[in-house]
Every structure is written in structure tokens, then in C-alpha cells.
Amino acid sequence: MDKETAKKAIVEKLQQKKGKTMFYLKDFYPMVPDEKPRVVNNIVNEMVREGILEYWSSGSTTLIGLKGMGQQAAGKDKD
């Protein structure tokens, strides 16, 4: 699976998730089952750099979600 196809698969699967908007990195591995975890990690990091995904951290836990969705978006509304 090429990188662009993997990115599209990740975005589609994240959009299909009902209720849950933030995910651990390990949750992305089954979304691209043909790739090794290291490759998926690199794809997710690239998507963060491109602004498709974003990190959210509680200080002890780092989660990843679609930009503008979920907990990280809720914090921005309080300004």
C-alpha cells in the first residue's frame, strides 16, 4: 500500500468512528494492516505535519485525532 492510499484509509476510518475522536498511536496500526508499526508511525507523523491530524496531550498521555475534532477542538472554543 502506498503512502497516499494509507493516508486516505486512515482518514476514512477515523471519520467512520462514532463517538470516539482521539486515539492512541497503536489504534492506527489496524487501520493500515499491511504496514509495519514503524511505517504507520511515520505516516501518522507526516499527517500531523501536513495538518490532517493533530496531537492532544494530557501531560501523561498523548492522543491523536483529526484536526479540529474532539477534545482539542473543545479547548479552543473557550477563548
PDB file of N, CA and C in Angstrom:
ATOM      1  N   MET A   1       0.855  -1.180   0.000  1.00  0.00           N
ATOM      2  CA  MET A   1       0.000   0.000   0.000  1.00  0.00           C
ATOM      3  C   MET A   1       0.898   1.238   0.000  1.00  0.00           C
ATOM      4  N   ASP A   2       0.636   2.151  -0.932  1.00  0.00           N
ATOM      5  CA  ASP A   2       1.455   3.362  -0.964  1.00  0.00           C
ATOM      6  C   ASP A   2       0.997   4.342   0.120  1.00  0.00           C
ATOM      7  N   LYS A   3       1.810   5.346   0.354  1.00  0.00           N
ATOM      8  CA  LYS A   3       1.584   6.291   1.452  1.00  0.00           C
ATOM      9  C   LYS A   3       0.269   7.060   1.314  1.00  0.00           C
ATOM     10  N   GLU A   4      -0.059   7.518   0.124  1.00  0.00           N
ATOM     11  CA  GLU A   4      -1.284   8.295  -0.085  1.00  0.00           C
ATOM     12  C   GLU A   4      -2.530   7.441   0.154  1.00  0.00           C
ATOM     13  N   THR A   5      -2.492   6.188  -0.264  1.00  0.00           N
ATOM     14  CA  THR A   5      -3.609   5.277  -0.028  1.00  0.00           C
ATOM     15  C   THR A   5      -3.768   5.017   1.467  1.00  0.00           C
ATOM     16  N   ALA A   6      -2.655   4.857   2.155  1.00  0.00           N
ATOM     17  CA  ALA A   6      -2.690   4.645   3.605  1.00  0.00           C
ATOM     18  C   ALA A   6      -3.286   5.857   4.318  1.00  0.00           C
ATOM     19  N   LYS A   7      -2.903   7.061   3.895  1.00  0.00           N
ATOM     20  CA  LYS A   7      -3.442   8.291   4.498  1.00  0.00           C
ATOM     21  C   LYS A   7      -4.955   8.370   4.300  1.00  0.00           C
ATOM     22  N   LYS A   8      -5.421   8.058   3.094  1.00  0.00           N
ATOM     23  CA  LYS A   8      -6.859   8.085   2.817  1.00  0.00           C
ATOM     24  C   LYS A   8      -7.591   7.060   3.661  1.00  0.00           C
ATOM     25  N   ALA A   9      -7.008   5.873   3.826  1.00  0.00           N
ATOM     26  CA  ALA A   9      -7.625   4.822   4.640  1.00  0.00           C
ATOM     27  C   ALA A   9      -7.737   5.264   6.096  1.00  0.00           C
ATOM     28  N   ILE A  10      -6.704   5.909   6.610  1.00  0.00           N
ATOM     29  CA  ILE A  10      -6.731   6.382   7.996  1.00  0.00           C
ATOM     30  C   ILE A  10      -7.813   7.434   8.182  1.00  0.00           C
ATOM     31  N   VAL A  11      -7.890   8.411   7.293  1.00  0.00           N
ATOM     32  CA  VAL A  11      -8.888   9.479   7.408  1.00  0.00           C
ATOM     33  C   VAL A  11     -10.298   8.893   7.319  1.00  0.00           C
ATOM     34  N   GLU A  12     -10.531   7.990   6.384  1.00  0.00           N
ATOM     35  CA  GLU A  12     -11.852   7.380   6.235  1.00  0.00           C
ATOM     36  C   GLU A  12     -12.253   6.625   7.493  1.00  0.00           C
ATOM     37  N   LYS A  13     -11.334   5.858   8.052  1.00  0.00           N
ATOM     38  CA  LYS A  13     -11.658   5.078   9.249  1.00  0.00           C
ATOM     39  C   LYS A  13     -11.881   5.969  10.456  1.00  0.00           C
ATOM     40  N   LEU A  14     -11.144   7.067  10.561  1.00  0.00           N
ATOM     41  CA  LEU A  14     -11.356   7.998  11.671  1.00  0.00           C
ATOM     42  C   LEU A  14     -12.715   8.681  11.555  1.00  0.00           C
ATOM     43  N   GLN A  15     -13.121   9.017  10.335  1.00  0.00           N
ATOM     44  CA  GLN A  15     -14.411   9.665  10.133  1.00  0.00           C
ATOM     45  C   GLN A  15     -15.575   8.715  10.407  1.00  0.00           C
ATOM     46  N   GLN A  16     -15.354   7.411  10.259  1.00  0.00           N
ATOM     47  CA  GLN A  16     -16.403   6.419  10.486  1.00  0.00           C
ATOM     48  C   GLN A  16     -16.598   6.105  11.963  1.00  0.00           C
ATOM     49  N   LYS A  17     -15.622   6.409  12.805  1.00  0.00           N
ATOM     50  CA  LYS A  17     -15.709   6.105  14.231  1.00  0.00           C
ATOM     51  C   LYS A  17     -16.782   6.977  14.865  1.00  0.00           C
ATOM     52  N   LYS A  18     -17.711   6.349  15.523  1.00  0.00           N
ATOM     53  CA  LYS A  18     -18.806   7.072  16.184  1.00  0.00           C
ATOM     54  C   LYS A  18     -18.439   7.358  17.636  1.00  0.00           C
ATOM     55  N   GLY A  19     -18.496   8.616  18.027  1.00  0.00           N
ATOM     56  CA  GLY A  19     -18.286   8.992  19.417  1.00  0.00           C
ATOM     57  C   GLY A  19     -16.822   9.178  19.806  1.00  0.00           C
ATOM     58  N   LYS A  20     -15.938   8.350  19.326  1.00  0.00           N
ATOM     59  CA  LYS A  20     -14.526   8.432  19.704  1.00  0.00           C
ATOM     60  C   LYS A  20     -13.783   9.293  18.685  1.00  0.00           C
ATOM     61  N   THR A  21     -13.063  10.309  19.175  1.00  0.00           N
ATOM     62  CA  THR A  21     -12.357  11.209  18.264  1.00  0.00           C
ATOM     63  C   THR A  21     -10.845  11.199  18.465  1.00  0.00           C
ATOM     64  N   MET A  22     -10.392  10.678  19.594  1.00  0.00           N
ATOM     65  CA  MET A  22      -8.966  10.671  19.897  1.00  0.00           C
ATOM     66  C   MET A  22      -8.488   9.230  20.053  1.00  0.00           C
ATOM     67  N   PHE A  23      -7.285   8.962  19.541  1.00  0.00           N
ATOM     68  CA  PHE A  23      -6.788   7.597  19.504  1.00  0.00           C
ATOM     69  C   PHE A  23      -5.324   7.534  19.911  1.00  0.00           C
ATOM     70  N   TYR A  24      -4.939   6.403  20.503  1.00  0.00           N
ATOM     71  CA  TYR A  24      -3.536   6.125  20.756  1.00  0.00           C
ATOM     72  C   TYR A  24      -2.883   5.759  19.436  1.00  0.00           C
ATOM     73  N   LEU A  25      -1.580   5.903  19.357  1.00  0.00           N
ATOM     74  CA  LEU A  25      -0.862   5.552  18.136  1.00  0.00           C
ATOM     75  C   LEU A  25      -1.106   4.089  17.761  1.00  0.00           C
ATOM     76  N   LYS A  26      -1.154   3.208  18.755  1.00  0.00           N
ATOM     77  CA  LYS A  26      -1.366   1.781  18.483  1.00  0.00           C
ATOM     78  C   LYS A  26      -2.720   1.514  17.827  1.00  0.00           C
ATOM     79  N   ASP A  27      -3.681   2.410  17.982  1.00  0.00           N
ATOM     80  CA  ASP A  27      -5.002   2.251  17.354  1.00  0.00           C
ATOM     81  C   ASP A  27      -4.937   2.440  15.839  1.00  0.00           C
ATOM     82  N   PHE A  28      -3.868   3.069  15.350  1.00  0.00           N
ATOM     83  CA  PHE A  28      -3.722   3.297  13.918  1.00  0.00           C
ATOM     84  C   PHE A  28      -3.165   2.075  13.186  1.00  0.00           C
ATOM     85  N   TYR A  29      -2.502   1.184  13.906  1.00  0.00           N
ATOM     86  CA  TYR A  29      -1.891   0.017  13.264  1.00  0.00           C
ATOM     87  C   TYR A  29      -2.896  -0.851  12.519  1.00  0.00           C
ATOM     88  N   PRO A  30      -4.061  -1.176  13.090  1.00  0.00           N
ATOM     89  CA  PRO A  30      -5.033  -1.990  12.336  1.00  0.00           C
ATOM     90  C   PRO A  30      -5.665  -1.257  11.149  1.00  0.00           C
ATOM     91  N   MET A  31      -5.567   0.054  11.122  1.00  0.00           N
ATOM     92  CA  MET A  31      -6.138   0.817  10.012  1.00  0.00           C
ATOM     93  C   MET A  31      -5.336   0.622   8.730  1.00  0.00           C
ATOM     94  N   VAL A  32      -4.062   0.278   8.878  1.00  0.00           N
ATOM     95  CA  VAL A  32      -3.191   0.008   7.739  1.00  0.00           C
ATOM     96  C   VAL A  32      -2.501  -1.336   8.024  1.00  0.00           C
ATOM     97  N   PRO A  33      -3.248  -2.432   7.933  1.00  0.00           N
ATOM     98  CA  PRO A  33      -2.729  -3.734   8.384  1.00  0.00           C
ATOM     99  C   PRO A  33      -1.556  -4.279   7.567  1.00  0.00           C
ATOM    100  N   ASP A  34      -1.361  -3.802   6.353  1.00  0.00           N
ATOM    101  CA  ASP A  34      -0.276  -4.313   5.509  1.00  0.00           C
ATOM    102  C   ASP A  34       1.079  -3.718   5.868  1.00  0.00           C
ATOM    103  N   GLU A  35       1.086  -2.689   6.703  1.00  0.00           N
ATOM    104  CA  GLU A  35       2.333  -2.000   7.032  1.00  0.00           C
ATOM    105  C   GLU A  35       2.802  -2.333   8.445  1.00  0.00           C
ATOM    106  N   LYS A  36       4.089  -2.238   8.649  1.00  0.00           N
ATOM    107  CA  LYS A  36       4.670  -2.448   9.974  1.00  0.00           C
ATOM    108  C   LYS A  36       4.393  -1.219  10.844  1.00  0.00           C
ATOM    109  N   PRO A  37       4.376  -1.400  12.173  1.00  0.00           N
ATOM    110  CA  PRO A  37       4.101  -0.264  13.073  1.00  0.00           C
ATOM    111  C   PRO A  37       5.001   0.945  12.840  1.00  0.00           C
ATOM    112  N   ARG A  38       6.261   0.739  12.536  1.00  0.00           N
ATOM    113  CA  ARG A  38       7.176   1.856  12.311  1.00  0.00           C
ATOM    114  C   ARG A  38       6.742   2.694  11.101  1.00  0.00           C
ATOM    115  N   VAL A  39       6.292   2.029  10.050  1.00  0.00           N
ATOM    116  CA  VAL A  39       5.831   2.723   8.844  1.00  0.00           C
ATOM    117  C   VAL A  39       4.563   3.510   9.155  1.00  0.00           C
ATOM    118  N   VAL A  40       3.636   2.895   9.906  1.00  0.00           N
ATOM    119  CA  VAL A  40       2.394   3.584  10.282  1.00  0.00           C
ATOM    120  C   VAL A  40       2.720   4.797  11.145  1.00  0.00           C
ATOM    121  N   ASN A  41       3.667   4.658  12.062  1.00  0.00           N
ATOM    122  CA  ASN A  41       4.095   5.774  12.899  1.00  0.00           C
ATOM    123  C   ASN A  41       4.594   6.933  12.037  1.00  0.00           C
ATOM    124  N   ASN A  42       5.403   6.629  11.032  1.00  0.00           N
ATOM    125  CA  ASN A  42       5.926   7.669  10.143  1.00  0.00           C
ATOM    126  C   ASN A  42       4.808   8.334   9.339  1.00  0.00           C
ATOM    127  N   ILE A  43       3.831   7.549   8.890  1.00  0.00           N
ATOM    128  CA  ILE A  43       2.705   8.100   8.129  1.00  0.00           C
ATOM    129  C   ILE A  43       1.877   9.027   9.014  1.00  0.00           C
ATOM    130  N   VAL A  44       1.592   8.595  10.249  1.00  0.00           N
ATOM    131  CA  VAL A  44       0.813   9.426  11.175  1.00  0.00           C
ATOM    132  C   VAL A  44       1.552  10.727  11.473  1.00  0.00           C
ATOM    133  N   ASN A  45       2.860  10.653  11.720  1.00  0.00           N
ATOM    134  CA  ASN A  45       3.643  11.868  11.986  1.00  0.00           C
ATOM    135  C   ASN A  45       3.634  12.803  10.780  1.00  0.00           C
ATOM    136  N   GLU A  46       3.711  12.250   9.599  1.00  0.00           N
ATOM    137  CA  GLU A  46       3.650  13.074   8.387  1.00  0.00           C
ATOM    138  C   GLU A  46       2.280  13.750   8.265  1.00  0.00           C
ATOM    139  N   MET A  47       1.227  13.029   8.607  1.00  0.00           N
ATOM    140  CA  MET A  47      -0.123  13.609   8.556  1.00  0.00           C
ATOM    141  C   MET A  47      -0.278  14.736   9.571  1.00  0.00           C
ATOM    142  N   VAL A  48       0.389  14.629  10.711  1.00  0.00           N
ATOM    143  CA  VAL A  48       0.374  15.710  11.702  1.00  0.00           C
ATOM    144  C   VAL A  48       1.093  16.928  11.131  1.00  0.00           C
ATOM    145  N   ARG A  49       2.245  16.720  10.502  1.00  0.00           N
ATOM    146  CA  ARG A  49       2.991  17.839   9.899  1.00  0.00           C
ATOM    147  C   ARG A  49       2.182  18.515   8.791  1.00  0.00           C
ATOM    148  N   GLU A  50       1.388  17.727   8.065  1.00  0.00           N
ATOM    149  CA  GLU A  50       0.566  18.276   6.975  1.00  0.00           C
ATOM    150  C   GLU A  50      -0.700  18.950   7.493  1.00  0.00           C
ATOM    151  N   GLY A  51      -1.018  18.798   8.774  1.00  0.00           N
ATOM    152  CA  GLY A  51      -2.200  19.431   9.342  1.00  0.00           C
ATOM    153  C   GLY A  51      -3.473  18.611   9.195  1.00  0.00           C
ATOM    154  N   ILE A  52      -3.372  17.353   8.813  1.00  0.00           N
ATOM    155  CA  ILE A  52      -4.543  16.489   8.691  1.00  0.00           C
ATOM    156  C   ILE A  52      -4.940  15.963  10.070  1.00  0.00           C
ATOM    157  N   LEU A  53      -3.935  15.558  10.835  1.00  0.00           N
ATOM    158  CA  LEU A  53      -4.135  15.070  12.197  1.00  0.00           C
ATOM    159  C   LEU A  53      -3.456  16.035  13.149  1.00  0.00           C
ATOM    160  N   GLU A  54      -3.810  15.918  14.447  1.00  0.00           N
ATOM    161  CA  GLU A  54      -3.106  16.703  15.446  1.00  0.00           C
ATOM    162  C   GLU A  54      -3.016  15.930  16.746  1.00  0.00           C
ATOM    163  N   TYR A  55      -1.982  16.260  17.513  1.00  0.00           N
ATOM    164  CA  TYR A  55      -1.773  15.637  18.800  1.00  0.00           C
ATOM    165  C   TYR A  55      -2.588  16.356  19.866  1.00  0.00           C
ATOM    166  N   TRP A  56      -2.967  15.602  20.891  1.00  0.00           N
ATOM    167  CA  TRP A  56      -3.559  16.176  22.094  1.00  0.00           C
ATOM    168  C   TRP A  56      -2.880  15.487  23.256  1.00  0.00           C
ATOM    169  N   SER A  57      -2.454  16.243  24.228  1.00  0.00           N
ATOM    170  CA  SER A  57      -1.746  15.660  25.358  1.00  0.00           C
ATOM    171  C   SER A  57      -2.360  16.122  26.664  1.00  0.00           C
ATOM    172  N   SER A  58      -2.504  15.168  27.584  1.00  0.00           N
ATOM    173  CA  SER A  58      -2.981  15.492  28.924  1.00  0.00           C
ATOM    174  C   SER A  58      -1.802  15.745  29.854  1.00  0.00           C
ATOM    175  N   GLY A  59      -0.622  15.574  29.357  1.00  0.00           N
ATOM    176  CA  GLY A  59       0.580  15.693  30.164  1.00  0.00           C
ATOM    177  C   GLY A  59       1.230  14.339  30.367  1.00  0.00           C
ATOM    178  N   SER A  60       0.407  13.314  30.516  1.00  0.00           N
ATOM    179  CA  SER A  60       0.954  11.967  30.684  1.00  0.00           C
ATOM    180  C   SER A  60       0.596  11.059  29.510  1.00  0.00           C
ATOM    181  N   THR A  61      -0.404  11.439  28.755  1.00  0.00           N
ATOM    182  CA  THR A  61      -0.872  10.630  27.635  1.00  0.00           C
ATOM    183  C   THR A  61      -0.971  11.497  26.389  1.00  0.00           C
ATOM    184  N   THR A  62      -0.506  10.970  25.267  1.00  0.00           N
ATOM    185  CA  THR A  62      -0.626  11.674  24.003  1.00  0.00           C
ATOM    186  C   THR A  62      -1.585  10.912  23.109  1.00  0.00           C
ATOM    187  N   LEU A  63      -2.582  11.605  22.617  1.00  0.00           N
ATOM    188  CA  LEU A  63      -3.567  11.024  21.716  1.00  0.00           C
ATOM    189  C   LEU A  63      -3.501  11.754  20.383  1.00  0.00           C
ATOM    190  N   ILE A  64      -4.047  11.124  19.359  1.00  0.00           N
ATOM    191  CA  ILE A  64      -4.016  11.694  18.014  1.00  0.00           C
ATOM    192  C   ILE A  64      -5.427  11.641  17.444  1.00  0.00           C
ATOM    193  N   GLY A  65      -5.839  12.712  16.774  1.00  0.00           N
ATOM    194  CA  GLY A  65      -7.153  12.742  16.144  1.00  0.00           C
ATOM    195  C   GLY A  65      -7.156  13.654  14.940  1.00  0.00           C
ATOM    196  N   LEU A  66      -8.273  13.642  14.233  1.00  0.00           N
ATOM    197  CA  LEU A  66      -8.428  14.538  13.091  1.00  0.00           C
ATOM    198  C   LEU A  66      -8.378  15.980  13.575  1.00  0.00           C
ATOM    199  N   LYS A  67      -7.731  16.828  12.841  1.00  0.00           N
ATOM    200  CA  LYS A  67      -7.604  18.236  13.234  1.00  0.00           C
ATOM    201  C   LYS A  67      -8.985  18.873  13.325  1.00  0.00           C
ATOM    202  N   GLY A  68      -9.230  19.563  14.452  1.00  0.00           N
ATOM    203  CA  GLY A  68     -10.494  20.258  14.639  1.00  0.00           C
ATOM    204  C   GLY A  68     -11.614  19.418  15.213  1.00  0.00           C
ATOM    205  N   MET A  69     -11.317  18.189  15.594  1.00  0.00           N
ATOM    206  CA  MET A  69     -12.339  17.306  16.145  1.00  0.00           C
ATOM    207  C   MET A  69     -12.011  16.978  17.600  1.00  0.00           C
ATOM    208  N   GLY A  70     -13.022  16.707  18.385  1.00  0.00           N
ATOM    209  CA  GLY A  70     -12.824  16.149  19.716  1.00  0.00           C
ATOM    210  C   GLY A  70     -12.316  17.090  20.770  1.00  0.00           C
ATOM    211  N   GLN A  71     -11.529  16.538  21.690  1.00  0.00           N
ATOM    212  CA  GLN A  71     -11.081  17.252  22.881  1.00  0.00           C
ATOM    213  C   GLN A  71     -10.248  18.478  22.554  1.00  0.00           C
ATOM    214  N   GLN A  72      -9.389  18.386  21.573  1.00  0.00           N
ATOM    215  CA  GLN A  72      -8.554  19.533  21.253  1.00  0.00           C
ATOM    216  C   GLN A  72      -9.387  20.686  20.701  1.00  0.00           C
ATOM    217  N   ALA A  73     -10.462  20.402  19.993  1.00  0.00           N
ATOM    218  CA  ALA A  73     -11.346  21.442  19.466  1.00  0.00           C
ATOM    219  C   ALA A  73     -12.158  22.082  20.594  1.00  0.00           C
ATOM    220  N   ALA A  74     -12.563  21.281  21.560  1.00  0.00           N
ATOM    221  CA  ALA A  74     -13.337  21.794  22.696  1.00  0.00           C
ATOM    222  C   ALA A  74     -12.532  22.825  23.488  1.00  0.00           C
ATOM    223  N   GLY A  75     -11.252  22.608  23.626  1.00  0.00           N
ATOM    224  CA  GLY A  75     -10.400  23.554  24.336  1.00  0.00           C
ATOM    225  C   GLY A  75     -10.246  24.867  23.607  1.00  0.00           C
ATOM    226  N   LYS A  76     -10.306  24.864  22.293  1.00  0.00           N
ATOM    227  CA  LYS A  76     -10.152  26.076  21.504  1.00  0.00           C
ATOM    228  C   LYS A  76     -11.388  26.969  21.573  1.00  0.00           C
ATOM    229  N   ASP A  77     -12.543  26.385  21.837  1.00  0.00           N
ATOM    230  CA  ASP A  77     -13.787  27.148  21.885  1.00  0.00           C
ATOM    231  C   ASP A  77     -13.887  28.027  23.122  1.00  0.00           C
ATOM    232  N   LYS A  78     -13.068  27.809  24.121  1.00  0.00           N
ATOM    233  CA  LYS A  78     -13.181  28.518  25.395  1.00  0.00           C
ATOM    234  C   LYS A  78     -12.480  29.868  25.389  1.00  0.00           C
ATOM    235  N   ASP A  79     -11.881  30.268  24.303  1.00  0.00           N
ATOM    236  CA  ASP A  79     -11.154  31.551  24.251  1.00  0.00           C
ATOM    237  C   ASP A  79     -12.057  32.723  24.370  1.00  0.00           C
TER     238      ASP A  79
END
